[in-house]
Amino acid sequence: MSEPATMRENLRQMIAVLQAERQALAGLDLDAIMGCAQDKVSLCGTLDQSAHLIEGLTIDEECRGLLDAARRLNEVNRQVRNLIAANVAARLDALTGSPALYRAGAASRPAYAWAGQRP
């Protein structure tokens, strides 16, 4: 199989993994979410190797379309993960009756400001 064809197949696999991740996020299936994360890391490594092998060649329209679709799906999944995390944080705050102590606005000065001071 030629390198561009291999890249197309890997991009199709990435899109399938991103779609599975979206379903796992919707169902709050932690095992499936973690499996998808591992698959994404593996595919990113494979795609990175493919990109180095065909560095001098131009990417065809089909690969560009697949790349764009993967970027969009990944961005949507990132936003969903952030919404879920915010929802969990809000629920934990409601259960404990107070916001988390580690938040940036909790202290009068951010914690990282102390690291930069010299005696």
N, C-alpha and C. Protein backbone atom coordinates (compact mmCIF):
# COMPACT_ATOMS: atom_id res chain seq x y z
N MET A 1 0.85 -1.18 0.00
CA MET A 1 0.00 0.00 0.00
C MET A 1 0.89 1.24 0.00
N SER A 2 0.57 2.24 -0.81
CA SER A 2 1.39 3.45 -0.88
C SER A 2 1.23 4.29 0.38
N GLU A 3 2.18 5.16 0.61
CA GLU A 3 2.15 5.99 1.82
C GLU A 3 0.92 6.90 1.90
N PRO A 4 0.54 7.60 0.80
CA PRO A 4 -0.69 8.41 0.91
C PRO A 4 -1.93 7.56 1.22
N ALA A 5 -2.00 6.36 0.65
CA ALA A 5 -3.13 5.48 0.93
C ALA A 5 -3.11 5.03 2.40
N THR A 6 -1.92 4.77 2.92
CA THR A 6 -1.78 4.40 4.33
C THR A 6 -2.22 5.55 5.22
N MET A 7 -1.83 6.77 4.86
CA MET A 7 -2.23 7.93 5.65
C MET A 7 -3.75 8.10 5.63
N ARG A 8 -4.36 7.91 4.46
CA ARG A 8 -5.82 8.01 4.37
C ARG A 8 -6.49 6.98 5.28
N GLU A 9 -5.98 5.76 5.25
CA GLU A 9 -6.56 4.71 6.08
C GLU A 9 -6.40 5.04 7.56
N ASN A 10 -5.24 5.56 7.94
CA ASN A 10 -5.01 5.95 9.34
C ASN A 10 -5.92 7.10 9.74
N LEU A 11 -6.16 8.03 8.84
CA LEU A 11 -7.07 9.14 9.13
C LEU A 11 -8.51 8.65 9.27
N ARG A 12 -8.89 7.68 8.46
CA ARG A 12 -10.24 7.09 8.59
C ARG A 12 -10.38 6.41 9.95
N GLN A 13 -9.32 5.71 10.36
CA GLN A 13 -9.34 5.06 11.67
C GLN A 13 -9.45 6.10 12.78
N MET A 14 -8.73 7.22 12.63
CA MET A 14 -8.78 8.28 13.65
C MET A 14 -10.19 8.85 13.74
N ILE A 15 -10.83 9.06 12.61
CA ILE A 15 -12.20 9.58 12.62
C ILE A 15 -13.13 8.59 13.31
N ALA A 16 -12.94 7.31 13.04
CA ALA A 16 -13.77 6.28 13.70
C ALA A 16 -13.54 6.30 15.21
N VAL A 17 -12.31 6.47 15.64
CA VAL A 17 -12.00 6.53 17.07
C VAL A 17 -12.62 7.77 17.69
N LEU A 18 -12.53 8.91 16.99
CA LEU A 18 -13.12 10.14 17.51
C LEU A 18 -14.64 10.03 17.62
N GLN A 19 -15.27 9.36 16.67
CA GLN A 19 -16.71 9.15 16.75
C GLN A 19 -17.06 8.21 17.92
N ALA A 20 -16.24 7.18 18.12
CA ALA A 20 -16.46 6.28 19.25
C ALA A 20 -16.25 7.02 20.57
N GLU A 21 -15.27 7.93 20.60
CA GLU A 21 -15.03 8.72 21.80
C GLU A 21 -16.23 9.60 22.11
N ARG A 22 -16.83 10.16 21.09
CA ARG A 22 -18.01 11.00 21.29
C ARG A 22 -19.15 10.20 21.89
N GLN A 23 -19.35 8.98 21.40
CA GLN A 23 -20.37 8.11 21.96
C GLN A 23 -20.05 7.73 23.41
N ALA A 24 -18.78 7.48 23.68
CA ALA A 24 -18.37 7.14 25.05
C ALA A 24 -18.58 8.32 25.98
N LEU A 25 -18.29 9.53 25.50
CA LEU A 25 -18.52 10.72 26.32
C LEU A 25 -20.02 10.91 26.58
N ALA A 26 -20.83 10.68 25.56
CA ALA A 26 -22.27 10.83 25.72
C ALA A 26 -22.81 9.84 26.74
N GLY A 27 -22.24 8.64 26.77
CA GLY A 27 -22.69 7.62 27.71
C GLY A 27 -21.93 7.62 29.02
N LEU A 28 -20.98 8.53 29.16
CA LEU A 28 -20.12 8.60 30.35
C LEU A 28 -19.49 7.24 30.66
N ASP A 29 -19.04 6.56 29.61
CA ASP A 29 -18.42 5.24 29.72
C ASP A 29 -16.91 5.42 29.87
N LEU A 30 -16.44 5.41 31.11
CA LEU A 30 -15.03 5.70 31.39
C LEU A 30 -14.08 4.72 30.73
N ASP A 31 -14.42 3.44 30.73
CA ASP A 31 -13.55 2.45 30.08
C ASP A 31 -13.40 2.72 28.59
N ALA A 32 -14.52 3.03 27.94
CA ALA A 32 -14.47 3.34 26.51
C ALA A 32 -13.72 4.64 26.24
N ILE A 33 -13.90 5.63 27.11
CA ILE A 33 -13.18 6.91 26.95
C ILE A 33 -11.68 6.67 27.04
N MET A 34 -11.26 5.88 28.02
CA MET A 34 -9.83 5.59 28.18
C MET A 34 -9.29 4.77 27.00
N GLY A 35 -10.09 3.83 26.51
CA GLY A 35 -9.69 3.05 25.34
C GLY A 35 -9.51 3.93 24.12
N CYS A 36 -10.43 4.86 23.94
CA CYS A 36 -10.33 5.79 22.81
C CYS A 36 -9.09 6.68 22.94
N ALA A 37 -8.79 7.11 24.16
CA ALA A 37 -7.61 7.95 24.38
C ALA A 37 -6.34 7.18 23.99
N GLN A 38 -6.27 5.92 24.36
CA GLN A 38 -5.11 5.10 24.00
C GLN A 38 -5.03 4.91 22.49
N ASP A 39 -6.17 4.67 21.86
CA ASP A 39 -6.20 4.51 20.41
C ASP A 39 -5.76 5.79 19.70
N LYS A 40 -6.20 6.94 20.22
CA LYS A 40 -5.82 8.21 19.61
C LYS A 40 -4.31 8.44 19.71
N VAL A 41 -3.74 8.14 20.86
CA VAL A 41 -2.29 8.31 21.03
C VAL A 41 -1.54 7.41 20.05
N SER A 42 -1.98 6.18 19.93
CA SER A 42 -1.34 5.24 19.01
C SER A 42 -1.44 5.72 17.57
N LEU A 43 -2.64 6.16 17.17
CA LEU A 43 -2.83 6.64 15.81
C LEU A 43 -2.06 7.93 15.54
N CYS A 44 -1.94 8.78 16.53
CA CYS A 44 -1.15 10.01 16.35
C CYS A 44 0.31 9.66 16.05
N GLY A 45 0.84 8.66 16.76
CA GLY A 45 2.21 8.22 16.49
C GLY A 45 2.35 7.65 15.10
N THR A 46 1.37 6.87 14.67
CA THR A 46 1.40 6.29 13.33
C THR A 46 1.28 7.38 12.27
N LEU A 47 0.39 8.33 12.49
CA LEU A 47 0.24 9.44 11.53
C LEU A 47 1.49 10.30 11.48
N ASP A 48 2.12 10.50 12.61
CA ASP A 48 3.35 11.29 12.64
C ASP A 48 4.44 10.62 11.82
N GLN A 49 4.56 9.30 11.93
CA GLN A 49 5.54 8.56 11.13
C GLN A 49 5.21 8.65 9.65
N SER A 50 3.94 8.53 9.30
CA SER A 50 3.52 8.63 7.91
C SER A 50 3.83 10.01 7.34
N ALA A 51 3.59 11.03 8.14
CA ALA A 51 3.84 12.40 7.68
C ALA A 51 5.31 12.62 7.38
N HIS A 52 6.20 12.03 8.18
CA HIS A 52 7.64 12.18 7.93
C HIS A 52 8.07 11.43 6.67
N LEU A 53 7.43 10.32 6.39
CA LEU A 53 7.79 9.53 5.21
C LEU A 53 7.37 10.21 3.92
N ILE A 54 6.28 10.96 3.94
CA ILE A 54 5.80 11.61 2.71
C ILE A 54 5.96 13.13 2.79
N GLU A 55 6.93 13.58 3.56
CA GLU A 55 7.12 15.01 3.82
C GLU A 55 7.22 15.82 2.54
N GLY A 56 7.89 15.32 1.53
CA GLY A 56 8.09 16.07 0.30
C GLY A 56 6.89 16.06 -0.63
N LEU A 57 5.95 15.16 -0.40
CA LEU A 57 4.78 15.04 -1.27
C LEU A 57 3.67 15.97 -0.80
N THR A 58 2.82 16.34 -1.74
CA THR A 58 1.66 17.15 -1.37
C THR A 58 0.53 16.23 -0.93
N ILE A 59 -0.28 16.71 -0.01
CA ILE A 59 -1.41 15.95 0.50
C ILE A 59 -2.58 16.18 -0.43
N ASP A 60 -3.24 15.11 -0.84
CA ASP A 60 -4.36 15.24 -1.77
C ASP A 60 -5.61 15.76 -1.07
N GLU A 61 -6.63 16.05 -1.85
CA GLU A 61 -7.86 16.64 -1.32
C GLU A 61 -8.57 15.71 -0.34
N GLU A 62 -8.53 14.41 -0.62
CA GLU A 62 -9.19 13.47 0.28
C GLU A 62 -8.54 13.49 1.66
N CYS A 63 -7.20 13.51 1.69
CA CYS A 63 -6.48 13.58 2.97
C CYS A 63 -6.78 14.90 3.68
N ARG A 64 -6.83 15.99 2.94
CA ARG A 64 -7.15 17.29 3.55
C ARG A 64 -8.54 17.26 4.18
N GLY A 65 -9.49 16.67 3.46
CA GLY A 65 -10.86 16.56 3.99
C GLY A 65 -10.91 15.70 5.24
N LEU A 66 -10.17 14.59 5.23
CA LEU A 66 -10.13 13.72 6.40
C LEU A 66 -9.46 14.41 7.58
N LEU A 67 -8.39 15.15 7.30
CA LEU A 67 -7.71 15.91 8.36
C LEU A 67 -8.64 16.95 8.97
N ASP A 68 -9.37 17.65 8.11
CA ASP A 68 -10.30 18.68 8.59
C ASP A 68 -11.41 18.05 9.43
N ALA A 69 -11.93 16.92 8.98
CA ALA A 69 -12.99 16.23 9.73
C ALA A 69 -12.46 15.78 11.10
N ALA A 70 -11.24 15.25 11.12
CA ALA A 70 -10.65 14.80 12.39
C ALA A 70 -10.44 15.98 13.34
N ARG A 71 -9.97 17.11 12.81
CA ARG A 71 -9.78 18.30 13.65
C ARG A 71 -11.10 18.76 14.25
N ARG A 72 -12.15 18.81 13.43
CA ARG A 72 -13.45 19.26 13.91
C ARG A 72 -14.00 18.31 14.98
N LEU A 73 -13.92 17.01 14.71
CA LEU A 73 -14.41 16.04 15.69
C LEU A 73 -13.64 16.13 17.00
N ASN A 74 -12.32 16.28 16.90
CA ASN A 74 -11.50 16.39 18.10
C ASN A 74 -11.87 17.65 18.89
N GLU A 75 -12.13 18.74 18.21
CA GLU A 75 -12.51 19.99 18.89
C GLU A 75 -13.86 19.84 19.58
N VAL A 76 -14.81 19.22 18.91
CA VAL A 76 -16.13 19.01 19.53
C VAL A 76 -15.98 18.12 20.77
N ASN A 77 -15.19 17.05 20.64
CA ASN A 77 -14.99 16.17 21.78
C ASN A 77 -14.30 16.89 22.94
N ARG A 78 -13.37 17.77 22.61
CA ARG A 78 -12.69 18.56 23.66
C ARG A 78 -13.69 19.44 24.39
N GLN A 79 -14.58 20.08 23.65
CA GLN A 79 -15.58 20.93 24.27
C GLN A 79 -16.54 20.12 25.14
N VAL A 80 -16.91 18.93 24.68
CA VAL A 80 -17.79 18.07 25.48
C VAL A 80 -17.08 17.65 26.77
N ARG A 81 -15.79 17.27 26.67
CA ARG A 81 -15.03 16.90 27.87
C ARG A 81 -14.99 18.06 28.85
N ASN A 82 -14.77 19.27 28.35
CA ASN A 82 -14.73 20.44 29.23
C ASN A 82 -16.07 20.70 29.90
N LEU A 83 -17.16 20.52 29.16
CA LEU A 83 -18.50 20.70 29.75
C LEU A 83 -18.76 19.66 30.83
N ILE A 84 -18.37 18.42 30.56
CA ILE A 84 -18.55 17.37 31.57
C ILE A 84 -17.74 17.69 32.81
N ALA A 85 -16.49 18.12 32.61
CA ALA A 85 -15.63 18.45 33.76
C ALA A 85 -16.21 19.61 34.56
N ALA A 86 -16.74 20.62 33.89
CA ALA A 86 -17.34 21.75 34.59
C ALA A 86 -18.58 21.32 35.36
N ASN A 87 -19.36 20.43 34.76
CA ASN A 87 -20.56 19.92 35.42
C ASN A 87 -20.18 19.13 36.67
N VAL A 88 -19.18 18.27 36.57
CA VAL A 88 -18.74 17.49 37.73
C VAL A 88 -18.22 18.42 38.81
N ALA A 89 -17.44 19.44 38.43
CA ALA A 89 -16.92 20.39 39.42
C ALA A 89 -18.06 21.12 40.13
N ALA A 90 -19.07 21.52 39.37
CA ALA A 90 -20.21 22.22 39.97
C ALA A 90 -20.97 21.31 40.94
N ARG A 91 -21.11 20.06 40.56
CA ARG A 91 -21.80 19.12 41.45
C ARG A 91 -21.00 18.86 42.72
N LEU A 92 -19.70 18.73 42.58
CA LEU A 92 -18.85 18.53 43.76
C LEU A 92 -18.91 19.75 44.67
N ASP A 93 -18.88 20.95 44.08
CA ASP A 93 -19.00 22.18 44.87
C ASP A 93 -20.34 22.22 45.62
N ALA A 94 -21.40 21.80 44.94
CA ALA A 94 -22.72 21.79 45.58
C ALA A 94 -22.77 20.79 46.73
N LEU A 95 -22.12 19.65 46.55
CA LEU A 95 -22.12 18.63 47.60
C LEU A 95 -21.31 19.06 48.82
N THR A 96 -20.19 19.73 48.58
CA THR A 96 -19.33 20.15 49.69
C THR A 96 -19.77 21.48 50.27
N GLY A 97 -20.55 22.24 49.54
CA GLY A 97 -21.02 23.52 50.04
C GLY A 97 -20.03 24.66 49.86
N SER A 98 -18.90 24.39 49.20
CA SER A 98 -17.93 25.45 48.96
C SER A 98 -17.16 25.15 47.68
N PRO A 99 -16.65 26.21 47.04
CA PRO A 99 -15.85 25.98 45.84
C PRO A 99 -14.51 25.34 46.21
N ALA A 100 -13.90 24.71 45.25
CA ALA A 100 -12.61 24.04 45.48
C ALA A 100 -11.54 25.05 45.86
N LEU A 101 -10.65 24.65 46.73
CA LEU A 101 -9.61 25.54 47.22
C LEU A 101 -8.52 25.81 46.21
N TYR A 102 -8.38 24.98 45.22
CA TYR A 102 -7.30 25.11 44.26
C TYR A 102 -7.60 26.09 43.14
N ARG A 103 -8.75 26.68 43.09
CA ARG A 103 -9.09 27.61 42.01
C ARG A 103 -8.26 28.87 42.09
N ALA A 104 -8.02 29.48 40.95
CA ALA A 104 -7.12 30.63 40.85
C ALA A 104 -7.58 31.82 41.69
N GLY A 105 -8.85 32.09 41.79
CA GLY A 105 -9.33 33.26 42.51
C GLY A 105 -9.50 33.04 44.01
N ALA A 106 -9.14 31.88 44.52
CA ALA A 106 -9.38 31.56 45.92
C ALA A 106 -8.48 32.35 46.86
N ALA A 107 -7.28 32.66 46.47
CA ALA A 107 -6.34 33.40 47.31
C ALA A 107 -6.27 34.84 46.83
N SER A 108 -5.70 35.70 47.67
CA SER A 108 -5.56 37.10 47.27
C SER A 108 -4.55 37.24 46.13
N ARG A 109 -3.58 36.33 46.09
CA ARG A 109 -2.61 36.32 44.99
C ARG A 109 -2.51 34.91 44.45
N PRO A 110 -2.33 34.77 43.16
CA PRO A 110 -2.19 33.42 42.60
C PRO A 110 -0.96 32.71 43.18
N ALA A 111 -1.06 31.41 43.33
CA ALA A 111 0.03 30.63 43.92
C ALA A 111 1.32 30.75 43.13
N TYR A 112 1.24 30.88 41.82
CA TYR A 112 2.45 30.95 41.02
C TYR A 112 3.19 32.27 41.22
N ALA A 113 2.53 33.30 41.74
CA ALA A 113 3.19 34.59 41.98
C ALA A 113 4.22 34.46 43.10
N TRP A 114 3.99 33.56 44.05
CA TRP A 114 4.92 33.38 45.16
C TRP A 114 6.24 32.77 44.68
N ALA A 115 6.19 31.95 43.67
CA ALA A 115 7.40 31.27 43.20
C ALA A 115 8.38 32.25 42.57
N GLY A 116 7.90 33.36 42.05
CA GLY A 116 8.76 34.30 41.36
C GLY A 116 9.43 35.31 42.29
N GLN A 117 9.04 35.38 43.54
CA GLN A 117 9.61 36.36 44.46
C GLN A 117 10.98 35.89 44.95
N ARG A 118 11.85 36.85 45.17
CA ARG A 118 13.17 36.55 45.72
C ARG A 118 13.26 37.09 47.14
N PRO A 119 14.00 36.42 47.97
CA PRO A 119 14.12 36.87 49.37
C PRO A 119 14.87 38.17 49.52
